[in-house]
């Protein structure tokens, strides 16, 4: 993502609570993004309580 000039990624929910099919790179964990260090920032679960109902049925 850095090569595209992206310096921050924000995940609304964490992978532990949402099926992997909803993630483009399901094998990359939040810690992997965070380990990239400066100038890249990654945070997750920001709006998890509000977003989890969207994933309950597994329907897109």
Protein backbone atom coordinates (compact mmCIF):
# COMPACT_ATOMS: atom_id res chain seq x y z
CA UNK A 1 0.00 0.00 0.00
CA UNK A 2 2.91 2.33 0.61
CA UNK A 3 3.83 2.32 -3.07
CA UNK A 4 0.34 3.72 -3.73
CA UNK A 5 0.90 6.53 -1.23
CA UNK A 6 -1.49 5.08 1.35
CA UNK A 7 -0.27 5.92 4.84
CA UNK A 8 -3.20 4.72 6.95
CA UNK A 9 -5.70 1.87 6.87
CA UNK A 10 -8.68 1.74 9.21
CA UNK A 11 -10.62 -1.46 9.75
CA UNK A 12 -14.11 -0.96 11.14
CA UNK A 13 -14.20 -4.45 12.66
CA UNK A 14 -11.53 -6.95 13.69
CA UNK A 15 -10.87 -10.22 11.89
CA UNK A 16 -11.55 -12.19 15.04
CA UNK A 17 -15.24 -11.25 14.82
CA UNK A 18 -15.83 -11.19 11.04
CA UNK A 19 -15.49 -13.99 8.47
CA UNK A 20 -12.26 -13.99 6.46
CA UNK A 21 -14.17 -13.73 3.18
CA UNK A 22 -14.76 -10.06 3.93
CA UNK A 23 -11.03 -9.27 3.92
CA UNK A 24 -9.05 -8.87 0.70
CA UNK A 25 -5.96 -10.29 2.41
CA UNK A 26 -7.38 -12.63 5.09
CA UNK A 27 -3.94 -13.98 6.02
CA UNK A 28 -2.62 -10.53 6.93
CA UNK A 29 -3.44 -9.62 10.50
CA UNK A 30 -3.69 -6.16 12.03
CA UNK A 31 -0.31 -6.73 13.67
CA UNK A 32 1.26 -7.28 10.25
CA UNK A 33 0.04 -3.87 9.11
CA UNK A 34 1.15 -2.24 12.36
CA UNK A 35 4.60 -3.83 12.10
CA UNK A 36 5.15 -1.93 8.85
CA UNK A 37 5.95 1.11 10.99
CA UNK A 38 6.31 4.67 9.77
CA UNK A 39 4.97 6.16 7.61
CA UNK A 40 2.21 3.53 7.71
CA UNK A 41 -0.47 3.39 10.39
CA UNK A 42 -3.14 0.71 10.87
CA UNK A 43 -5.94 0.59 13.41
CA UNK A 44 -8.83 -1.83 13.74
CA UNK A 45 -12.16 -2.31 15.43
CA UNK A 46 -13.01 1.37 15.36
CA UNK A 47 -16.77 0.93 14.83
CA UNK A 48 -17.02 -2.77 15.57
CA UNK A 49 -20.18 -2.69 17.70
CA UNK A 50 -22.03 -0.75 15.04
CA UNK A 51 -20.71 -2.82 12.11
CA UNK A 52 -21.02 -6.40 13.37
CA UNK A 53 -24.78 -6.59 12.65
CA UNK A 54 -23.96 -6.08 8.95
CA UNK A 55 -22.08 -9.41 8.93
CA UNK A 56 -24.50 -11.52 11.02
CA UNK A 57 -26.25 -13.32 8.16
CA UNK A 58 -23.17 -13.75 5.98
CA UNK A 59 -25.00 -12.06 3.11
CA UNK A 60 -23.21 -9.47 1.06
